[in-house]
C-alpha atoms as a PDB file:
ATOM      1  CA  MET A   1     -42.012  26.500   4.367  1.00  0.00           C
ATOM      2  CA  ARG A   2     -39.192  27.587   2.024  1.00  0.00           C
ATOM      3  CA  ALA A   3     -36.554  26.331   4.478  1.00  0.00           C
ATOM      4  CA  PHE A   4     -38.353  22.990   4.728  1.00  0.00           C
ATOM      5  CA  ALA A   5     -38.394  22.677   0.928  1.00  0.00           C
ATOM      6  CA  MET A   6     -34.649  23.375   0.711  1.00  0.00           C
ATOM      7  CA  LEU A   7     -33.954  20.713   3.351  1.00  0.00           C
ATOM      8  CA  ALA A   8     -36.010  18.223   1.364  1.00  0.00           C
ATOM      9  CA  LEU A   9     -33.961  18.924  -1.781  1.00  0.00           C
ATOM     10  CA  LEU A  10     -30.553  18.525  -0.120  1.00  0.00           C
ATOM     11  CA  PRO A  11     -30.387  14.707  -0.433  1.00  0.00           C
ATOM     12  CA  LEU A  12     -31.270  14.936  -4.130  1.00  0.00           C
ATOM     13  CA  LEU A  13     -28.624  17.591  -4.783  1.00  0.00           C
ATOM     14  CA  SER A  14     -25.975  15.582  -2.961  1.00  0.00           C
ATOM     15  CA  SER A  15     -26.841  12.488  -4.959  1.00  0.00           C
ATOM     16  CA  ALA A  16     -26.661  14.374  -8.272  1.00  0.00           C
ATOM     17  CA  GLN A  17     -23.241  15.840  -7.491  1.00  0.00           C
ATOM     18  CA  ALA A  18     -21.627  12.679  -6.117  1.00  0.00           C
ATOM     19  CA  PRO A  19     -18.829  11.270  -8.310  1.00  0.00           C
ATOM     20  CA  PRO A  20     -19.374   7.906 -10.009  1.00  0.00           C
ATOM     21  CA  ALA A  21     -18.635   4.917  -7.798  1.00  0.00           C
ATOM     22  CA  ALA A  22     -15.419   2.993  -8.331  1.00  0.00           C
ATOM     23  CA  THR A  23     -15.687  -0.095 -10.536  1.00  0.00           C
ATOM     24  CA  LEU A  24     -13.992  -3.456  -9.983  1.00  0.00           C
ATOM     25  CA  THR A  25     -13.073  -5.365 -13.161  1.00  0.00           C
ATOM     26  CA  LYS A  26     -11.295  -8.733 -13.377  1.00  0.00           C
ATOM     27  CA  GLY A  27      -9.357  -9.885 -16.417  1.00  0.00           C
ATOM     28  CA  VAL A  28      -6.061 -10.814 -18.032  1.00  0.00           C
ATOM     29  CA  LEU A  29      -3.417  -8.138 -18.575  1.00  0.00           C
ATOM     30  CA  LEU A  30      -2.854  -7.707 -22.324  1.00  0.00           C
ATOM     31  CA  GLU A  31      -0.298  -4.893 -22.497  1.00  0.00           C
ATOM     32  CA  ARG A  32       1.062  -1.933 -20.568  1.00  0.00           C
ATOM     33  CA  ASP A  33       3.296   1.014 -21.317  1.00  0.00           C
ATOM     34  CA  THR A  34       6.836   0.593 -20.036  1.00  0.00           C
ATOM     35  CA  PRO A  35       9.079   1.906 -18.587  1.00  0.00           C
ATOM     36  CA  ALA A  36       7.054   5.123 -18.258  1.00  0.00           C
ATOM     37  CA  ALA A  37       5.877   6.063 -14.760  1.00  0.00           C
ATOM     38  CA  GLU A  38       2.487   6.902 -16.249  1.00  0.00           C
ATOM     39  CA  GLY A  39       0.619   5.704 -19.293  1.00  0.00           C
ATOM     40  CA  GLU A  40      -2.045   3.168 -20.239  1.00  0.00           C
ATOM     41  CA  PHE A  41      -2.672  -0.555 -19.991  1.00  0.00           C
ATOM     42  CA  SER A  42      -5.431  -2.906 -21.152  1.00  0.00           C
ATOM     43  CA  ILE A  43      -7.058  -6.104 -19.880  1.00  0.00           C
ATOM     44  CA  ARG A  44      -9.385  -8.703 -21.388  1.00  0.00           C
ATOM     45  CA  ALA A  45     -12.304  -9.430 -19.032  1.00  0.00           C
ATOM     46  CA  ASP A  46     -14.077 -12.770 -18.620  1.00  0.00           C
ATOM     47  CA  ASP A  47     -16.754 -11.642 -21.099  1.00  0.00           C
ATOM     48  CA  ASN A  48     -13.955 -11.193 -23.701  1.00  0.00           C
ATOM     49  CA  GLN A  49     -14.343  -7.394 -23.652  1.00  0.00           C
ATOM     50  CA  VAL A  50     -11.115  -5.359 -23.709  1.00  0.00           C
ATOM     51  CA  TYR A  51     -10.880  -2.434 -21.276  1.00  0.00           C
ATOM     52  CA  ARG A  52      -8.204   0.263 -21.267  1.00  0.00           C
ATOM     53  CA  TYR A  53      -7.064   2.280 -18.243  1.00  0.00           C
ATOM     54  CA  ARG A  54      -4.726   5.131 -17.415  1.00  0.00           C
ATOM     55  CA  TYR A  55      -2.232   4.849 -14.564  1.00  0.00           C
ATOM     56  CA  ASP A  56       0.339   7.096 -12.896  1.00  0.00           C
ATOM     57  CA  SER A  57       2.678   7.075  -9.908  1.00  0.00           C
ATOM     58  CA  ARG A  58      -0.308   7.166  -7.539  1.00  0.00           C
ATOM     59  CA  THR A  59      -1.771   3.912  -8.881  1.00  0.00           C
ATOM     60  CA  TYR A  60      -1.523   1.258  -6.147  1.00  0.00           C
ATOM     61  CA  ALA A  61      -0.219  -2.019  -7.632  1.00  0.00           C
ATOM     62  CA  VAL A  62       0.286  -5.214  -5.608  1.00  0.00           C
ATOM     63  CA  ARG A  63       1.682  -8.647  -6.449  1.00  0.00           C
ATOM     64  CA  ASP A  64       2.101 -11.410  -3.833  1.00  0.00           C
ATOM     65  CA  SER A  65       1.265  -8.923  -1.064  1.00  0.00           C
ATOM     66  CA  ARG A  66       4.145  -6.672  -2.152  1.00  0.00           C
ATOM     67  CA  LEU A  67       3.989  -3.230  -3.685  1.00  0.00           C
ATOM     68  CA  THR A  68       5.018  -2.999  -7.321  1.00  0.00           C
ATOM     69  CA  THR A  69       4.304  -0.775 -10.335  1.00  0.00           C
ATOM     70  CA  VAL A  70       2.110  -1.186 -13.403  1.00  0.00           C
ATOM     71  CA  PRO A  71       5.127  -1.235 -15.799  1.00  0.00           C
ATOM     72  CA  ALA A  72       6.517  -4.159 -13.757  1.00  0.00           C
ATOM     73  CA  LEU A  73       3.406  -6.299 -14.352  1.00  0.00           C
ATOM     74  CA  THR A  74       3.636  -9.132 -16.864  1.00  0.00           C
ATOM     75  CA  PRO A  75       1.163  -9.561 -19.751  1.00  0.00           C
ATOM     76  CA  GLY A  76      -0.833 -12.742 -19.167  1.00  0.00           C
ATOM     77  CA  GLU A  77      -1.248 -12.224 -15.422  1.00  0.00           C
ATOM     78  CA  ASP A  78      -4.764 -12.283 -13.924  1.00  0.00           C
ATOM     79  CA  VAL A  79      -5.552  -8.923 -12.342  1.00  0.00           C
ATOM     80  CA  GLU A  80      -8.312  -7.039 -10.571  1.00  0.00           C
ATOM     81  CA  VAL A  81      -8.589  -3.327 -11.385  1.00  0.00           C
ATOM     82  CA  ILE A  82     -10.429  -0.783  -9.260  1.00  0.00           C
ATOM     83  CA  SER A  83     -11.020   2.265 -11.437  1.00  0.00           C
ATOM     84  CA  ASP A  84     -12.706   5.656 -11.445  1.00  0.00           C
ATOM     85  CA  ALA A  85     -14.381   7.483 -14.302  1.00  0.00           C
ATOM     86  CA  VAL A  86     -12.499  10.487 -15.693  1.00  0.00           C
ATOM     87  CA  ALA A  87     -14.540  13.485 -16.795  1.00  0.00           C
ATOM     88  CA  GLY A  88     -14.351  14.004 -20.558  1.00  0.00           C
ATOM     89  CA  SER A  89     -12.496  10.742 -21.211  1.00  0.00           C
ATOM     90  CA  LEU A  90     -13.560   7.229 -22.187  1.00  0.00           C
ATOM     91  CA  VAL A  91     -10.448   5.789 -20.517  1.00  0.00           C
ATOM     92  CA  ARG A  92     -10.934   5.189 -16.794  1.00  0.00           C
ATOM     93  CA  TYR A  93      -8.277   5.872 -14.166  1.00  0.00           C
ATOM     94  CA  ALA A  94      -6.842   2.786 -12.458  1.00  0.00           C
ATOM     95  CA  ARG A  95      -6.746   3.420  -8.723  1.00  0.00           C
ATOM     96  CA  ASP A  96      -5.713  -0.104  -7.608  1.00  0.00           C
ATOM     97  CA  VAL A  97      -4.311  -3.057  -9.564  1.00  0.00           C
ATOM     98  CA  HIS A  98      -4.040  -6.398  -7.756  1.00  0.00           C
ATOM     99  CA  VAL A  99      -2.367  -9.415  -9.345  1.00  0.00           C
ATOM    100  CA  VAL A 100      -4.606 -12.410  -8.618  1.00  0.00           C
ATOM    101  CA  SER A 101      -2.412 -15.045 -10.269  1.00  0.00           C
ATOM    102  CA  SER A 102       1.293 -14.320 -10.552  1.00  0.00           C
ATOM    103  CA  ALA A 103       2.307 -17.644 -12.093  1.00  0.00           C
ATOM    104  CA  PRO A 104       4.607 -16.814 -15.014  1.00  0.00           C
ATOM    105  CA  PRO A 105       2.957 -17.379 -18.397  1.00  0.00           C
ATOM    106  CA  PRO A 106       4.517 -19.975 -20.668  1.00  0.00           C
ATOM    107  CA  ALA A 107       7.330 -18.632 -22.824  1.00  0.00           C
ATOM    108  CA  ARG A 108       6.479 -17.743 -26.397  1.00  0.00           C
ATOM    109  CA  PRO A 109       7.813 -20.307 -28.818  1.00  0.00           C
ATOM    110  CA  ARG A 110      10.943 -19.031 -30.545  1.00  0.00           C
ATOM    111  CA  ILE A 111      11.021 -19.441 -34.292  1.00  0.00           C
ATOM    112  CA  ALA A 112      14.311 -20.052 -36.039  1.00  0.00           C
ATOM    113  CA  LEU A 113      14.717 -17.339 -38.660  1.00  0.00           C
ATOM    114  CA  PRO A 114      16.995 -17.809 -41.679  1.00  0.00           C
ATOM    115  CA  THR A 115      20.350 -16.062 -41.426  1.00  0.00           C
ATOM    116  CA  ARG A 116      20.498 -15.380 -45.165  1.00  0.00           C
ATOM    117  CA  LEU A 117      17.981 -13.682 -47.403  1.00  0.00           C
ATOM    118  CA  VAL A 118      16.315 -16.021 -49.876  1.00  0.00           C
ATOM    119  CA  THR A 119      14.931 -15.425 -53.344  1.00  0.00           C
ATOM    120  CA  GLY A 120      11.419 -16.209 -54.498  1.00  0.00           C
ATOM    121  CA  LEU A 121       8.870 -15.352 -57.133  1.00  0.00           C
ATOM    122  CA  ASP A 122       7.479 -12.521 -55.001  1.00  0.00           C
ATOM    123  CA  PRO A 123      10.098  -9.736 -54.532  1.00  0.00           C
ATOM    124  CA  LEU A 124       8.951  -9.325 -50.922  1.00  0.00           C
ATOM    125  CA  ASP A 125       9.822 -12.986 -50.254  1.00  0.00           C
ATOM    126  CA  ARG A 126      13.499 -11.970 -50.396  1.00  0.00           C
ATOM    127  CA  PHE A 127      12.898 -10.089 -47.164  1.00  0.00           C
ATOM    128  CA  PHE A 128       9.808 -11.913 -45.847  1.00  0.00           C
ATOM    129  CA  PRO A 129      10.638 -15.625 -46.200  1.00  0.00           C
ATOM    130  CA  ALA A 130       7.915 -18.112 -45.360  1.00  0.00           C
ATOM    131  CA  LEU A 131       7.868 -18.609 -41.583  1.00  0.00           C
ATOM    132  CA  PRO A 132       5.820 -20.977 -39.406  1.00  0.00           C
ATOM    133  CA  ASP A 133       2.550 -19.220 -38.521  1.00  0.00           C
ATOM    134  CA  GLY A 134       3.895 -15.986 -40.060  1.00  0.00           C
ATOM    135  CA  ASP A 135       0.743 -15.527 -42.093  1.00  0.00           C
ATOM    136  CA  LEU A 136      -0.047 -11.905 -41.183  1.00  0.00           C
ATOM    137  CA  THR A 137       1.299  -8.868 -43.050  1.00  0.00           C
ATOM    138  CA  PHE A 138       0.696  -5.250 -42.064  1.00  0.00           C
ATOM    139  CA  SER A 139       1.696  -1.966 -43.664  1.00  0.00           C
ATOM    140  CA  GLY A 140       1.342   1.501 -42.248  1.00  0.00           C
ATOM    141  CA  VAL A 141       3.035   4.431 -40.541  1.00  0.00           C
ATOM    142  CA  VAL A 142       4.686   3.958 -37.147  1.00  0.00           C
ATOM    143  CA  TYR A 143       2.696   5.928 -34.582  1.00  0.00           C
ATOM    144  CA  ARG A 144       4.546   4.845 -31.463  1.00  0.00           C
ATOM    145  CA  VAL A 145       7.387   2.428 -30.735  1.00  0.00           C
ATOM    146  CA  THR A 146       8.668   1.155 -27.370  1.00  0.00           C
ATOM    147  CA  GLY A 147      11.009  -1.630 -26.410  1.00  0.00           C
ATOM    148  CA  GLU A 148       8.163  -4.141 -26.472  1.00  0.00           C
ATOM    149  CA  ARG A 149       5.695  -3.041 -29.123  1.00  0.00           C
ATOM    150  CA  VAL A 150       5.050  -0.841 -32.134  1.00  0.00           C
ATOM    151  CA  VAL A 151       1.712   0.799 -32.938  1.00  0.00           C
ATOM    152  CA  LEU A 152       0.931   1.258 -36.635  1.00  0.00           C
ATOM    153  CA  HIS A 153      -1.505   3.698 -38.229  1.00  0.00           C
ATOM    154  CA  THR A 154      -3.153   1.527 -40.924  1.00  0.00           C
ATOM    155  CA  ARG A 155      -6.121   1.984 -43.242  1.00  0.00           C
ATOM    156  CA  HIS A 156      -8.175  -0.070 -40.797  1.00  0.00           C
ATOM    157  CA  GLY A 157      -7.132   1.805 -37.657  1.00  0.00           C
ATOM    158  CA  ASP A 158      -4.319   1.591 -35.113  1.00  0.00           C
ATOM    159  CA  GLN A 159      -2.697  -1.847 -34.807  1.00  0.00           C
ATOM    160  CA  PRO A 160      -0.469  -2.689 -31.795  1.00  0.00           C
ATOM    161  CA  ILE A 161       2.175  -5.326 -32.602  1.00  0.00           C
ATOM    162  CA  LEU A 162       4.524  -6.956 -30.111  1.00  0.00           C
ATOM    163  CA  LEU A 163       8.262  -6.877 -30.847  1.00  0.00           C
ATOM    164  CA  ARG A 164      10.061 -10.136 -30.098  1.00  0.00           C
ATOM    165  CA  GLY A 165      13.629 -10.530 -28.950  1.00  0.00           C
ATOM    166  CA  ASP A 166      14.420 -12.162 -32.299  1.00  0.00           C
ATOM    167  CA  THR A 167      12.413  -9.802 -34.509  1.00  0.00           C
ATOM    168  CA  ARG A 168      14.475  -8.895 -37.604  1.00  0.00           C
ATOM    169  CA  TYR A 169      14.708  -5.329 -38.906  1.00  0.00           C
ATOM    170  CA  VAL A 170      15.625  -4.662 -42.567  1.00  0.00           C
ATOM    171  CA  ALA A 171      16.265  -1.160 -43.972  1.00  0.00           C
ATOM    172  CA  ASP A 172      16.879  -0.822 -47.735  1.00  0.00           C
ATOM    173  CA  GLY A 173      17.791  -4.506 -47.899  1.00  0.00           C
ATOM    174  CA  GLU A 174      20.304  -4.345 -45.011  1.00  0.00           C
ATOM    175  CA  SER A 175      19.833  -5.843 -41.545  1.00  0.00           C
ATOM    176  CA  VAL A 176      19.727  -3.181 -38.816  1.00  0.00           C
ATOM    177  CA  ASN A 177      19.020  -3.178 -35.093  1.00  0.00           C
ATOM    178  CA  SER A 178      15.743  -2.273 -33.396  1.00  0.00           C
ATOM    179  CA  ALA A 179      16.932   1.270 -32.588  1.00  0.00           C
ATOM    180  CA  ALA A 180      16.593   2.148 -36.286  1.00  0.00           C
ATOM    181  CA  LEU A 181      12.798   1.832 -36.093  1.00  0.00           C
ATOM    182  CA  LYS A 182      11.363   5.324 -35.496  1.00  0.00           C
ATOM    183  CA  PRO A 183       7.928   7.016 -35.405  1.00  0.00           C
ATOM    184  CA  ASN A 184       6.504   8.358 -38.695  1.00  0.00           C
ATOM    185  CA  MET A 185       8.278   5.683 -40.770  1.00  0.00           C
ATOM    186  CA  ARG A 186       6.242   3.672 -43.306  1.00  0.00           C
ATOM    187  CA  VAL A 187       6.939  -0.019 -42.793  1.00  0.00           C
ATOM    188  CA  PHE A 188       5.843  -3.539 -43.698  1.00  0.00           C
ATOM    189  CA  ILE A 189       5.562  -6.113 -40.915  1.00  0.00           C
ATOM    190  CA  ARG A 190       5.341  -9.891 -41.331  1.00  0.00           C
ATOM    191  CA  GLY A 191       4.235 -11.769 -38.231  1.00  0.00           C
ATOM    192  CA  GLY A 192       1.710 -14.027 -36.553  1.00  0.00           C
ATOM    193  CA  LYS A 193      -0.207 -14.474 -33.299  1.00  0.00           C
ATOM    194  CA  ASP A 194       1.175 -15.765 -30.014  1.00  0.00           C
ATOM    195  CA  ILE A 195      -0.572 -18.075 -27.536  1.00  0.00           C
ATOM    196  CA  TRP A 196      -2.440 -15.065 -26.070  1.00  0.00           C
ATOM    197  CA  ASP A 197      -3.850 -14.192 -29.519  1.00  0.00           C
ATOM    198  CA  GLN A 198      -1.707 -11.043 -29.729  1.00  0.00           C
ATOM    199  CA  VAL A 199       0.009 -10.080 -32.969  1.00  0.00           C
ATOM    200  CA  GLU A 200       3.816 -10.246 -32.833  1.00  0.00           C
ATOM    201  CA  ALA A 201       6.368  -9.219 -35.438  1.00  0.00           C
ATOM    202  CA  TYR A 202       8.843 -11.636 -37.017  1.00  0.00           C
ATOM    203  CA  GLN A 203      10.240  -9.099 -39.502  1.00  0.00           C
ATOM    204  CA  VAL A 204       9.952  -5.319 -39.910  1.00  0.00           C
ATOM    205  CA  PHE A 205      10.983  -3.880 -43.276  1.00  0.00           C
ATOM    206  CA  TRP A 206      11.248  -0.360 -44.670  1.00  0.00           C
ATOM    207  CA  GLY A 207      13.146   1.474 -47.356  1.00  0.00           C
ATOM    208  CA  GLY A 208      13.592   1.539 -51.109  1.00  0.00           C
ATOM    209  CA  ILE A 209      11.671  -1.629 -51.954  1.00  0.00           C
ATOM    210  CA  LEU A 210       8.516   0.026 -50.653  1.00  0.00           C
ATOM    211  CA  GLN A 211       8.720   2.712 -53.328  1.00  0.00           C
ATOM    212  CA  PRO A 212       6.941   2.037 -56.639  1.00  0.00           C
ATOM    213  CA  ARG A 213       9.187   1.410 -59.652  1.00  0.00           C
END
């Protein structure tokens, strides 16, 4: 009788110990870490929910029936992600990433920035001149910076901001290159949103003008 009872419980025990089934999610690639061999990326699904995943060198990525890598994917591409739950983490592990539509997204419109600083009633306007659609301003501490984006710690939480090829960097009133932007720096950023509704930076400023007088 005891052996029969144990046999009856085996299917229940196997079911309780089985790992969660893989999940397939379709959406648009928003951002991905690059050029790291492992990191995170996010997609916006059809229901407008944003999902974030971890990837590494074992993640299987395919575009046009050819193997590729997650860092080589382009934001704006339609993808399908097969993922597994990770114990103790809210971020799922991306097992497979398939590019459904590899048509290149339209180029972001380039905005002509002034080559000389201008004066205005607001002292910040000397470094943040009025720009088309540049109606967003952020301030905070740089948490992470890559070649394509900066993540700010702000009072309202972490804010990822894309860095454009023509983004201007100003330190203590002097133009500098992008390599001068480092983690743990307190900065102001003037920017706007691109056609994918992502925030991008037109100007990044730090230095003496940020200190109270």
